[in-house]
Amino acid sequence: MARVRRWCQQRVPEHARGEVKVECDVAPRHLTIVECRPPWRQDTGAEWTRFPIARLRYTKATGEWSLYWRDRHLRFHLYDRVAPSPQIDDLLREIDRDPSGIFWG
């Protein structure tokens, strides 16, 4: 988790962190990469919006992480352009690369 949190923090330059952040939500079976943005209008409150970008699922039986992409209905689907890996860094590199534009647009 610490590796993913460092990766999230490095995604956004220091000078832009008031406008956008990338965070990692932790659940028992997966990690979700989330893009966060501040309120764009004063009447919407002080909460930042949180938009899921990708999900990383760990399978204990195989010892591997799998990468999932999010559709417009906020459902996650297996990303088949990279194989599951025991190294989470392999999947983070694929999210960075984003050859299809499915993660960052």
PDB file of N, CA and C in Angstrom:
ATOM      1  N   MET A   1       0.820  -1.201   0.000  1.00  0.00           N
ATOM      2  CA  MET A   1       0.000   0.000   0.000  1.00  0.00           C
ATOM      3  C   MET A   1       0.858   1.257   0.000  1.00  0.00           C
ATOM      4  N   ALA A   2       1.960   1.210   0.741  1.00  0.00           N
ATOM      5  CA  ALA A   2       2.836   2.379   0.803  1.00  0.00           C
ATOM      6  C   ALA A   2       3.382   2.714  -0.580  1.00  0.00           C
ATOM      7  N   ARG A   3       3.721   1.689  -1.360  1.00  0.00           N
ATOM      8  CA  ARG A   3       4.237   1.912  -2.718  1.00  0.00           C
ATOM      9  C   ARG A   3       3.181   2.589  -3.587  1.00  0.00           C
ATOM     10  N   VAL A   4       1.950   2.154  -3.495  1.00  0.00           N
ATOM     11  CA  VAL A   4       0.869   2.737  -4.301  1.00  0.00           C
ATOM     12  C   VAL A   4       0.591   4.167  -3.850  1.00  0.00           C
ATOM     13  N   ARG A   5       0.625   4.419  -2.571  1.00  0.00           N
ATOM     14  CA  ARG A   5       0.393   5.784  -2.080  1.00  0.00           C
ATOM     15  C   ARG A   5       1.497   6.730  -2.552  1.00  0.00           C
ATOM     16  N   ARG A   6       2.749   6.266  -2.567  1.00  0.00           N
ATOM     17  CA  ARG A   6       3.844   7.098  -3.087  1.00  0.00           C
ATOM     18  C   ARG A   6       3.640   7.375  -4.571  1.00  0.00           C
ATOM     19  N   TRP A   7       3.226   6.337  -5.306  1.00  0.00           N
ATOM     20  CA  TRP A   7       2.959   6.498  -6.736  1.00  0.00           C
ATOM     21  C   TRP A   7       1.871   7.544  -6.964  1.00  0.00           C
ATOM     22  N   CYS A   8       0.801   7.481  -6.183  1.00  0.00           N
ATOM     23  CA  CYS A   8      -0.298   8.444  -6.292  1.00  0.00           C
ATOM     24  C   CYS A   8       0.199   9.869  -6.058  1.00  0.00           C
ATOM     25  N   GLN A   9       0.986  10.040  -5.028  1.00  0.00           N
ATOM     26  CA  GLN A   9       1.486  11.376  -4.700  1.00  0.00           C
ATOM     27  C   GLN A   9       2.385  11.915  -5.809  1.00  0.00           C
ATOM     28  N   GLN A  10       3.161  11.060  -6.445  1.00  0.00           N
ATOM     29  CA  GLN A  10       4.073  11.483  -7.505  1.00  0.00           C
ATOM     30  C   GLN A  10       3.355  11.794  -8.816  1.00  0.00           C
ATOM     31  N   ARG A  11       2.105  11.395  -8.959  1.00  0.00           N
ATOM     32  CA  ARG A  11       1.350  11.638 -10.192  1.00  0.00           C
ATOM     33  C   ARG A  11       1.077  13.113 -10.430  1.00  0.00           C
ATOM     34  N   VAL A  12       0.985  13.897  -9.355  1.00  0.00           N
ATOM     35  CA  VAL A  12       0.618  15.307  -9.469  1.00  0.00           C
ATOM     36  C   VAL A  12       1.783  16.168  -8.980  1.00  0.00           C
ATOM     37  N   PRO A  13       2.228  17.134  -9.802  1.00  0.00           N
ATOM     38  CA  PRO A  13       3.302  18.024  -9.356  1.00  0.00           C
ATOM     39  C   PRO A  13       2.869  18.839  -8.129  1.00  0.00           C
ATOM     40  N   GLU A  14       3.809  19.170  -7.300  1.00  0.00           N
ATOM     41  CA  GLU A  14       3.548  19.913  -6.052  1.00  0.00           C
ATOM     42  C   GLU A  14       2.692  21.157  -6.295  1.00  0.00           C
ATOM     43  N   HIS A  15       3.006  21.928  -7.335  1.00  0.00           N
ATOM     44  CA  HIS A  15       2.294  23.189  -7.574  1.00  0.00           C
ATOM     45  C   HIS A  15       0.827  23.005  -7.972  1.00  0.00           C
ATOM     46  N   ALA A  16       0.421  21.801  -8.376  1.00  0.00           N
ATOM     47  CA  ALA A  16      -0.952  21.558  -8.829  1.00  0.00           C
ATOM     48  C   ALA A  16      -1.813  20.849  -7.789  1.00  0.00           C
ATOM     49  N   ARG A  17      -1.267  20.552  -6.634  1.00  0.00           N
ATOM     50  CA  ARG A  17      -2.000  19.740  -5.655  1.00  0.00           C
ATOM     51  C   ARG A  17      -3.200  20.448  -5.031  1.00  0.00           C
ATOM     52  N   GLY A  18      -3.332  21.729  -5.211  1.00  0.00           N
ATOM     53  CA  GLY A  18      -4.535  22.431  -4.770  1.00  0.00           C
ATOM     54  C   GLY A  18      -5.678  22.267  -5.754  1.00  0.00           C
ATOM     55  N   GLU A  19      -5.352  21.791  -6.963  1.00  0.00           N
ATOM     56  CA  GLU A  19      -6.343  21.636  -8.022  1.00  0.00           C
ATOM     57  C   GLU A  19      -6.727  20.190  -8.276  1.00  0.00           C
ATOM     58  N   VAL A  20      -5.808  19.277  -8.018  1.00  0.00           N
ATOM     59  CA  VAL A  20      -6.073  17.857  -8.271  1.00  0.00           C
ATOM     60  C   VAL A  20      -5.153  17.018  -7.383  1.00  0.00           C
ATOM     61  N   LYS A  21      -5.680  15.896  -6.930  1.00  0.00           N
ATOM     62  CA  LYS A  21      -4.890  14.934  -6.165  1.00  0.00           C
ATOM     63  C   LYS A  21      -5.231  13.549  -6.683  1.00  0.00           C
ATOM     64  N   VAL A  22      -4.297  12.635  -6.534  1.00  0.00           N
ATOM     65  CA  VAL A  22      -4.554  11.232  -6.831  1.00  0.00           C
ATOM     66  C   VAL A  22      -4.327  10.486  -5.524  1.00  0.00           C
ATOM     67  N   GLU A  23      -5.326   9.716  -5.131  1.00  0.00           N
ATOM     68  CA  GLU A  23      -5.266   8.998  -3.855  1.00  0.00           C
ATOM     69  C   GLU A  23      -5.569   7.523  -4.055  1.00  0.00           C
ATOM     70  N   CYS A  24      -5.344   6.760  -3.017  1.00  0.00           N
ATOM     71  CA  CYS A  24      -5.601   5.330  -3.038  1.00  0.00           C
ATOM     72  C   CYS A  24      -6.567   4.981  -1.914  1.00  0.00           C
ATOM     73  N   ASP A  25      -7.712   4.433  -2.277  1.00  0.00           N
ATOM     74  CA  ASP A  25      -8.666   3.927  -1.293  1.00  0.00           C
ATOM     75  C   ASP A  25      -8.383   2.442  -1.079  1.00  0.00           C
ATOM     76  N   VAL A  26      -8.343   2.046   0.165  1.00  0.00           N
ATOM     77  CA  VAL A  26      -8.001   0.667   0.512  1.00  0.00           C
ATOM     78  C   VAL A  26      -9.247  -0.084   0.985  1.00  0.00           C
ATOM     79  N   ALA A  27      -9.453  -1.255   0.415  1.00  0.00           N
ATOM     80  CA  ALA A  27     -10.530  -2.163   0.823  1.00  0.00           C
ATOM     81  C   ALA A  27      -9.890  -3.520   1.096  1.00  0.00           C
ATOM     82  N   PRO A  28     -10.617  -4.429   1.722  1.00  0.00           N
ATOM     83  CA  PRO A  28     -10.012  -5.729   2.058  1.00  0.00           C
ATOM     84  C   PRO A  28      -9.432  -6.499   0.869  1.00  0.00           C
ATOM     85  N   ARG A  29     -10.062  -6.415  -0.295  1.00  0.00           N
ATOM     86  CA  ARG A  29      -9.606  -7.214  -1.436  1.00  0.00           C
ATOM     87  C   ARG A  29      -9.031  -6.416  -2.592  1.00  0.00           C
ATOM     88  N   HIS A  30      -9.026  -5.093  -2.491  1.00  0.00           N
ATOM     89  CA  HIS A  30      -8.523  -4.302  -3.603  1.00  0.00           C
ATOM     90  C   HIS A  30      -8.096  -2.902  -3.163  1.00  0.00           C
ATOM     91  N   LEU A  31      -7.387  -2.239  -4.075  1.00  0.00           N
ATOM     92  CA  LEU A  31      -7.007  -0.834  -3.929  1.00  0.00           C
ATOM     93  C   LEU A  31      -7.637  -0.093  -5.099  1.00  0.00           C
ATOM     94  N   THR A  32      -8.197   1.070  -4.847  1.00  0.00           N
ATOM     95  CA  THR A  32      -8.791   1.857  -5.917  1.00  0.00           C
ATOM     96  C   THR A  32      -8.049   3.183  -6.038  1.00  0.00           C
ATOM     97  N   ILE A  33      -7.557   3.474  -7.251  1.00  0.00           N
ATOM     98  CA  ILE A  33      -6.906   4.738  -7.552  1.00  0.00           C
ATOM     99  C   ILE A  33      -8.013   5.745  -7.846  1.00  0.00           C
ATOM    100  N   VAL A  34      -7.988   6.889  -7.140  1.00  0.00           N
ATOM    101  CA  VAL A  34      -9.058   7.878  -7.231  1.00  0.00           C
ATOM    102  C   VAL A  34      -8.467   9.253  -7.545  1.00  0.00           C
ATOM    103  N   GLU A  35      -9.083   9.943  -8.508  1.00  0.00           N
ATOM    104  CA  GLU A  35      -8.713  11.327  -8.796  1.00  0.00           C
ATOM    105  C   GLU A  35      -9.633  12.230  -7.984  1.00  0.00           C
ATOM    106  N   CYS A  36      -9.058  13.192  -7.281  1.00  0.00           N
ATOM    107  CA  CYS A  36      -9.829  14.084  -6.413  1.00  0.00           C
ATOM    108  C   CYS A  36      -9.681  15.522  -6.904  1.00  0.00           C
ATOM    109  N   ARG A  37     -10.793  16.239  -6.920  1.00  0.00           N
ATOM    110  CA  ARG A  37     -10.795  17.644  -7.352  1.00  0.00           C
ATOM    111  C   ARG A  37     -11.575  18.482  -6.340  1.00  0.00           C
ATOM    112  N   PRO A  38     -11.133  19.731  -6.140  1.00  0.00           N
ATOM    113  CA  PRO A  38     -11.836  20.593  -5.182  1.00  0.00           C
ATOM    114  C   PRO A  38     -13.198  21.018  -5.735  1.00  0.00           C
ATOM    115  N   PRO A  39     -14.061  21.538  -4.865  1.00  0.00           N
ATOM    116  CA  PRO A  39     -15.375  22.015  -5.339  1.00  0.00           C
ATOM    117  C   PRO A  39     -15.186  23.090  -6.409  1.00  0.00           C
ATOM    118  N   TRP A  40     -15.976  23.013  -7.440  1.00  0.00           N
ATOM    119  CA  TRP A  40     -15.844  23.994  -8.511  1.00  0.00           C
ATOM    120  C   TRP A  40     -16.825  25.157  -8.350  1.00  0.00           C
ATOM    121  N   ARG A  41     -17.756  24.990  -7.408  1.00  0.00           N
ATOM    122  CA  ARG A  41     -18.683  26.082  -7.072  1.00  0.00           C
ATOM    123  C   ARG A  41     -18.795  26.150  -5.559  1.00  0.00           C
ATOM    124  N   GLN A  42     -18.961  27.353  -5.034  1.00  0.00           N
ATOM    125  CA  GLN A  42     -19.057  27.536  -3.587  1.00  0.00           C
ATOM    126  C   GLN A  42     -20.291  26.873  -2.990  1.00  0.00           C
ATOM    127  N   ASP A  43     -21.381  26.804  -3.740  1.00  0.00           N
ATOM    128  CA  ASP A  43     -22.622  26.247  -3.194  1.00  0.00           C
ATOM    129  C   ASP A  43     -22.638  24.709  -3.178  1.00  0.00           C
ATOM    130  N   THR A  44     -21.566  24.068  -3.640  1.00  0.00           N
ATOM    131  CA  THR A  44     -21.531  22.609  -3.620  1.00  0.00           C
ATOM    132  C   THR A  44     -20.900  22.052  -2.347  1.00  0.00           C
ATOM    133  N   GLY A  45     -20.436  22.930  -1.475  1.00  0.00           N
ATOM    134  CA  GLY A  45     -19.832  22.483  -0.224  1.00  0.00           C
ATOM    135  C   GLY A  45     -18.322  22.416  -0.319  1.00  0.00           C
ATOM    136  N   ALA A  46     -17.708  21.968   0.771  1.00  0.00           N
ATOM    137  CA  ALA A  46     -16.252  21.966   0.861  1.00  0.00           C
ATOM    138  C   ALA A  46     -15.627  20.628   0.479  1.00  0.00           C
ATOM    139  N   GLU A  47     -16.446  19.613   0.234  1.00  0.00           N
ATOM    140  CA  GLU A  47     -15.921  18.284  -0.075  1.00  0.00           C
ATOM    141  C   GLU A  47     -15.349  18.216  -1.496  1.00  0.00           C
ATOM    142  N   TRP A  48     -14.208  17.585  -1.611  1.00  0.00           N
ATOM    143  CA  TRP A  48     -13.621  17.331  -2.920  1.00  0.00           C
ATOM    144  C   TRP A  48     -14.388  16.185  -3.588  1.00  0.00           C
ATOM    145  N   THR A  49     -14.519  16.239  -4.919  1.00  0.00           N
ATOM    146  CA  THR A  49     -15.128  15.125  -5.641  1.00  0.00           C
ATOM    147  C   THR A  49     -14.091  14.022  -5.797  1.00  0.00           C
ATOM    148  N   ARG A  50     -14.556  12.797  -5.793  1.00  0.00           N
ATOM    149  CA  ARG A  50     -13.672  11.634  -5.892  1.00  0.00           C
ATOM    150  C   ARG A  50     -14.162  10.773  -7.051  1.00  0.00           C
ATOM    151  N   PHE A  51     -13.277  10.559  -8.017  1.00  0.00           N
ATOM    152  CA  PHE A  51     -13.648   9.831  -9.228  1.00  0.00           C
ATOM    153  C   PHE A  51     -12.709   8.642  -9.408  1.00  0.00           C
ATOM    154  N   PRO A  52     -13.225   7.407  -9.343  1.00  0.00           N
ATOM    155  CA  PRO A  52     -12.357   6.238  -9.481  1.00  0.00           C
ATOM    156  C   PRO A  52     -11.725   6.152 -10.869  1.00  0.00           C
ATOM    157  N   ILE A  53     -10.448   5.829 -10.916  1.00  0.00           N
ATOM    158  CA  ILE A  53      -9.697   5.721 -12.161  1.00  0.00           C
ATOM    159  C   ILE A  53      -9.391   4.262 -12.502  1.00  0.00           C
ATOM    160  N   ALA A  54      -8.886   3.522 -11.522  1.00  0.00           N
ATOM    161  CA  ALA A  54      -8.489   2.125 -11.752  1.00  0.00           C
ATOM    162  C   ALA A  54      -8.598   1.361 -10.440  1.00  0.00           C
ATOM    163  N   ARG A  55      -8.635   0.047 -10.567  1.00  0.00           N
ATOM    164  CA  ARG A  55      -8.669  -0.804  -9.378  1.00  0.00           C
ATOM    165  C   ARG A  55      -7.603  -1.887  -9.525  1.00  0.00           C
ATOM    166  N   LEU A  56      -6.930  -2.158  -8.418  1.00  0.00           N
ATOM    167  CA  LEU A  56      -5.905  -3.197  -8.357  1.00  0.00           C
ATOM    168  C   LEU A  56      -6.395  -4.250  -7.376  1.00  0.00           C
ATOM    169  N   ARG A  57      -6.560  -5.475  -7.868  1.00  0.00           N
ATOM    170  CA  ARG A  57      -7.062  -6.562  -7.012  1.00  0.00           C
ATOM    171  C   ARG A  57      -5.962  -7.591  -6.789  1.00  0.00           C
ATOM    172  N   TYR A  58      -5.851  -8.024  -5.546  1.00  0.00           N
ATOM    173  CA  TYR A  58      -4.862  -9.030  -5.191  1.00  0.00           C
ATOM    174  C   TYR A  58      -5.562 -10.373  -5.004  1.00  0.00           C
ATOM    175  N   THR A  59      -5.010 -11.407  -5.624  1.00  0.00           N
ATOM    176  CA  THR A  59      -5.533 -12.759  -5.469  1.00  0.00           C
ATOM    177  C   THR A  59      -4.531 -13.545  -4.631  1.00  0.00           C
ATOM    178  N   LYS A  60      -4.923 -13.867  -3.429  1.00  0.00           N
ATOM    179  CA  LYS A  60      -4.025 -14.549  -2.492  1.00  0.00           C
ATOM    180  C   LYS A  60      -3.570 -15.912  -3.017  1.00  0.00           C
ATOM    181  N   ALA A  61      -4.468 -16.648  -3.668  1.00  0.00           N
ATOM    182  CA  ALA A  61      -4.142 -17.991  -4.158  1.00  0.00           C
ATOM    183  C   ALA A  61      -2.997 -17.988  -5.169  1.00  0.00           C
ATOM    184  N   THR A  62      -2.937 -16.955  -6.005  1.00  0.00           N
ATOM    185  CA  THR A  62      -1.886 -16.877  -7.026  1.00  0.00           C
ATOM    186  C   THR A  62      -0.756 -15.935  -6.640  1.00  0.00           C
ATOM    187  N   GLY A  63      -1.013 -15.070  -5.655  1.00  0.00           N
ATOM    188  CA  GLY A  63      -0.016 -14.078  -5.261  1.00  0.00           C
ATOM    189  C   GLY A  63       0.173 -12.997  -6.304  1.00  0.00           C
ATOM    190  N   GLU A  64      -0.879 -12.727  -7.100  1.00  0.00           N
ATOM    191  CA  GLU A  64      -0.773 -11.760  -8.185  1.00  0.00           C
ATOM    192  C   GLU A  64      -1.807 -10.637  -8.062  1.00  0.00           C
ATOM    193  N   TRP A  65      -1.414  -9.500  -8.604  1.00  0.00           N
ATOM    194  CA  TRP A  65      -2.286  -8.339  -8.714  1.00  0.00           C
ATOM    195  C   TRP A  65      -2.854  -8.304 -10.125  1.00  0.00           C
ATOM    196  N   SER A  66      -4.125  -7.896 -10.250  1.00  0.00           N
ATOM    197  CA  SER A  66      -4.786  -7.711 -11.546  1.00  0.00           C
ATOM    198  C   SER A  66      -5.268  -6.272 -11.641  1.00  0.00           C
ATOM    199  N   LEU A  67      -5.276  -5.762 -12.858  1.00  0.00           N
ATOM    200  CA  LEU A  67      -5.675  -4.380 -13.113  1.00  0.00           C
ATOM    201  C   LEU A  67      -7.078  -4.349 -13.721  1.00  0.00           C
ATOM    202  N   TYR A  68      -7.898  -3.412 -13.234  1.00  0.00           N
ATOM    203  CA  TYR A  68      -9.260  -3.234 -13.710  1.00  0.00           C
ATOM    204  C   TYR A  68      -9.480  -1.788 -14.119  1.00  0.00           C
ATOM    205  N   TRP A  69     -10.270  -1.571 -15.159  1.00  0.00           N
ATOM    206  CA  TRP A  69     -10.635  -0.235 -15.610  1.00  0.00           C
ATOM    207  C   TRP A  69     -12.099   0.029 -15.272  1.00  0.00           C
ATOM    208  N   ARG A  70     -12.468   1.305 -15.195  1.00  0.00           N
ATOM    209  CA  ARG A  70     -13.820   1.707 -14.798  1.00  0.00           C
ATOM    210  C   ARG A  70     -14.599   2.202 -16.014  1.00  0.00           C
ATOM    211  N   ASP A  71     -15.833   1.744 -16.155  1.00  0.00           N
ATOM    212  CA  ASP A  71     -16.663   2.212 -17.264  1.00  0.00           C
ATOM    213  C   ASP A  71     -17.490   3.431 -16.838  1.00  0.00           C
ATOM    214  N   ARG A  72     -18.295   3.938 -17.728  1.00  0.00           N
ATOM    215  CA  ARG A  72     -19.074   5.157 -17.442  1.00  0.00           C
ATOM    216  C   ARG A  72     -20.140   4.958 -16.378  1.00  0.00           C
ATOM    217  N   HIS A  73     -20.464   3.698 -16.071  1.00  0.00           N
ATOM    218  CA  HIS A  73     -21.440   3.383 -15.027  1.00  0.00           C
ATOM    219  C   HIS A  73     -20.768   3.075 -13.689  1.00  0.00           C
ATOM    220  N   LEU A  74     -19.468   3.379 -13.612  1.00  0.00           N
ATOM    221  CA  LEU A  74     -18.642   3.171 -12.421  1.00  0.00           C
ATOM    222  C   LEU A  74     -18.479   1.698 -12.071  1.00  0.00           C
ATOM    223  N   ARG A  75     -18.571   0.831 -13.069  1.00  0.00           N
ATOM    224  CA  ARG A  75     -18.321  -0.595 -12.879  1.00  0.00           C
ATOM    225  C   ARG A  75     -16.903  -0.894 -13.355  1.00  0.00           C
ATOM    226  N   PHE A  76     -16.251  -1.828 -12.681  1.00  0.00           N
ATOM    227  CA  PHE A  76     -14.880  -2.186 -13.038  1.00  0.00           C
ATOM    228  C   PHE A  76     -14.853  -3.466 -13.859  1.00  0.00           C
ATOM    229  N   HIS A  77     -13.922  -3.486 -14.847  1.00  0.00           N
ATOM    230  CA  HIS A  77     -13.745  -4.615 -15.746  1.00  0.00           C
ATOM    231  C   HIS A  77     -12.262  -4.945 -15.842  1.00  0.00           C
ATOM    232  N   LEU A  78     -11.959  -6.221 -16.006  1.00  0.00           N
ATOM    233  CA  LEU A  78     -10.573  -6.638 -16.131  1.00  0.00           C
ATOM    234  C   LEU A  78      -9.926  -5.971 -17.338  1.00  0.00           C
ATOM    235  N   TYR A  79      -8.774  -5.386 -17.121  1.00  0.00           N
ATOM    236  CA  TYR A  79      -7.987  -4.762 -18.184  1.00  0.00           C
ATOM    237  C   TYR A  79      -7.105  -5.852 -18.780  1.00  0.00           C
ATOM    238  N   ASP A  80      -7.336  -6.188 -20.046  1.00  0.00           N
ATOM    239  CA  ASP A  80      -6.661  -7.349 -20.632  1.00  0.00           C
ATOM    240  C   ASP A  80      -5.402  -7.028 -21.430  1.00  0.00           C
ATOM    241  N   ARG A  81      -4.915  -5.803 -21.340  1.00  0.00           N
ATOM    242  CA  ARG A  81      -3.696  -5.441 -22.076  1.00  0.00           C
ATOM    243  C   ARG A  81      -2.419  -5.685 -21.279  1.00  0.00           C
ATOM    244  N   VAL A  82      -2.578  -6.096 -20.034  1.00  0.00           N
ATOM    245  CA  VAL A  82      -1.423  -6.446 -19.202  1.00  0.00           C
ATOM    246  C   VAL A  82      -1.838  -7.637 -18.335  1.00  0.00           C
ATOM    247  N   ALA A  83      -0.952  -8.593 -18.234  1.00  0.00           N
ATOM    248  CA  ALA A  83      -1.247  -9.802 -17.464  1.00  0.00           C
ATOM    249  C   ALA A  83      -1.147  -9.530 -15.969  1.00  0.00           C
ATOM    250  N   PRO A  84      -1.874 -10.285 -15.164  1.00  0.00           N
ATOM    251  CA  PRO A  84      -1.698 -10.171 -13.711  1.00  0.00           C
ATOM    252  C   PRO A  84      -0.220 -10.379 -13.363  1.00  0.00           C
ATOM    253  N   SER A  85       0.196  -9.736 -12.291  1.00  0.00           N
ATOM    254  CA  SER A  85       1.614  -9.768 -11.928  1.00  0.00           C
ATOM    255  C   SER A  85       1.780  -9.814 -10.412  1.00  0.00           C
ATOM    256  N   PRO A  86       2.826 -10.490  -9.941  1.00  0.00           N
ATOM    257  CA  PRO A  86       3.109 -10.443  -8.503  1.00  0.00           C
ATOM    258  C   PRO A  86       3.702  -9.087  -8.096  1.00  0.00           C
ATOM    259  N   GLN A  87       4.132  -8.311  -9.094  1.00  0.00           N
ATOM    260  CA  GLN A  87       4.719  -6.991  -8.848  1.00  0.00           C
ATOM    261  C   GLN A  87       3.700  -5.902  -9.175  1.00  0.00           C
ATOM    262  N   ILE A  88       3.220  -5.213  -8.169  1.00  0.00           N
ATOM    263  CA  ILE A  88       2.217  -4.165  -8.388  1.00  0.00           C
ATOM    264  C   ILE A  88       2.765  -3.028  -9.248  1.00  0.00           C
ATOM    265  N   ASP A  89       4.090  -2.839  -9.236  1.00  0.00           N
ATOM    266  CA  ASP A  89       4.715  -1.802 -10.057  1.00  0.00           C
ATOM    267  C   ASP A  89       4.448  -2.006 -11.549  1.00  0.00           C
ATOM    268  N   ASP A  90       4.337  -3.269 -11.997  1.00  0.00           N
ATOM    269  CA  ASP A  90       4.031  -3.545 -13.404  1.00  0.00           C
ATOM    270  C   ASP A  90       2.689  -2.926 -13.788  1.00  0.00           C
ATOM    271  N   LEU A  91       1.726  -3.017 -12.905  1.00  0.00           N
ATOM    272  CA  LEU A  91       0.391  -2.483 -13.187  1.00  0.00           C
ATOM    273  C   LEU A  91       0.366  -0.965 -13.067  1.00  0.00           C
ATOM    274  N   LEU A  92       1.103  -0.416 -12.120  1.00  0.00           N
ATOM    275  CA  LEU A  92       1.181   1.045 -11.991  1.00  0.00           C
ATOM    276  C   LEU A  92       1.825   1.656 -13.236  1.00  0.00           C
ATOM    277  N   ARG A  93       2.833   0.989 -13.788  1.00  0.00           N
ATOM    278  CA  ARG A  93       3.466   1.476 -15.022  1.00  0.00           C
ATOM    279  C   ARG A  93       2.465   1.482 -16.174  1.00  0.00           C
ATOM    280  N   GLU A  94       1.600   0.466 -16.230  1.00  0.00           N
ATOM    281  CA  GLU A  94       0.596   0.416 -17.295  1.00  0.00           C
ATOM    282  C   GLU A  94      -0.424   1.540 -17.136  1.00  0.00           C
ATOM    283  N   ILE A  95      -0.815   1.847 -15.908  1.00  0.00           N
ATOM    284  CA  ILE A  95      -1.733   2.974 -15.681  1.00  0.00           C
ATOM    285  C   ILE A  95      -1.054   4.270 -16.114  1.00  0.00           C
ATOM    286  N   ASP A  96       0.217   4.443 -15.786  1.00  0.00           N
ATOM    287  CA  ASP A  96       0.976   5.625 -16.220  1.00  0.00           C
ATOM    288  C   ASP A  96       1.029   5.710 -17.742  1.00  0.00           C
ATOM    289  N   ARG A  97       1.351   4.593 -18.368  1.00  0.00           N
ATOM    290  CA  ARG A  97       1.485   4.543 -19.829  1.00  0.00           C
ATOM    291  C   ARG A  97       0.153   4.826 -20.521  1.00  0.00           C
ATOM    292  N   ASP A  98      -0.893   4.226 -20.039  1.00  0.00           N
ATOM    293  CA  ASP A  98      -2.263   4.390 -20.530  1.00  0.00           C
ATOM    294  C   ASP A  98      -2.347   4.437 -22.058  1.00  0.00           C
ATOM    295  N   PRO A  99      -1.896   3.377 -22.744  1.00  0.00           N
ATOM    296  CA  PRO A  99      -1.852   3.417 -24.205  1.00  0.00           C
ATOM    297  C   PRO A  99      -3.218   3.561 -24.878  1.00  0.00           C
ATOM    298  N   SER A 100      -4.282   3.169 -24.216  1.00  0.00           N
ATOM    299  CA  SER A 100      -5.616   3.260 -24.818  1.00  0.00           C
ATOM    300  C   SER A 100      -6.385   4.495 -24.347  1.00  0.00           C
ATOM    301  N   GLY A 101      -5.867   5.236 -23.380  1.00  0.00           N
ATOM    302  CA  GLY A 101      -6.580   6.400 -22.841  1.00  0.00           C
ATOM    303  C   GLY A 101      -7.729   6.024 -21.941  1.00  0.00           C
ATOM    304  N   ILE A 102      -7.774   4.781 -21.507  1.00  0.00           N
ATOM    305  CA  ILE A 102      -8.908   4.296 -20.704  1.00  0.00           C
ATOM    306  C   ILE A 102      -8.858   4.770 -19.246  1.00  0.00           C
ATOM    307  N   PHE A 103      -7.669   5.091 -18.745  1.00  0.00           N
ATOM    308  CA  PHE A 103      -7.549   5.508 -17.354  1.00  0.00           C
ATOM    309  C   PHE A 103      -7.603   7.033 -17.202  1.00  0.00           C
ATOM    310  N   TRP A 104      -6.774   7.739 -17.931  1.00  0.00           N
ATOM    311  CA  TRP A 104      -6.658   9.188 -17.754  1.00  0.00           C
ATOM    312  C   TRP A 104      -7.319   9.983 -18.882  1.00  0.00           C
ATOM    313  N   GLY A 105      -7.869   9.293 -19.874  1.00  0.00           N
ATOM    314  CA  GLY A 105      -8.586   9.972 -20.964  1.00  0.00           C
ATOM    315  C   GLY A 105      -7.722  10.455 -22.003  1.00  0.00           C
TER     316      GLY A 105
END
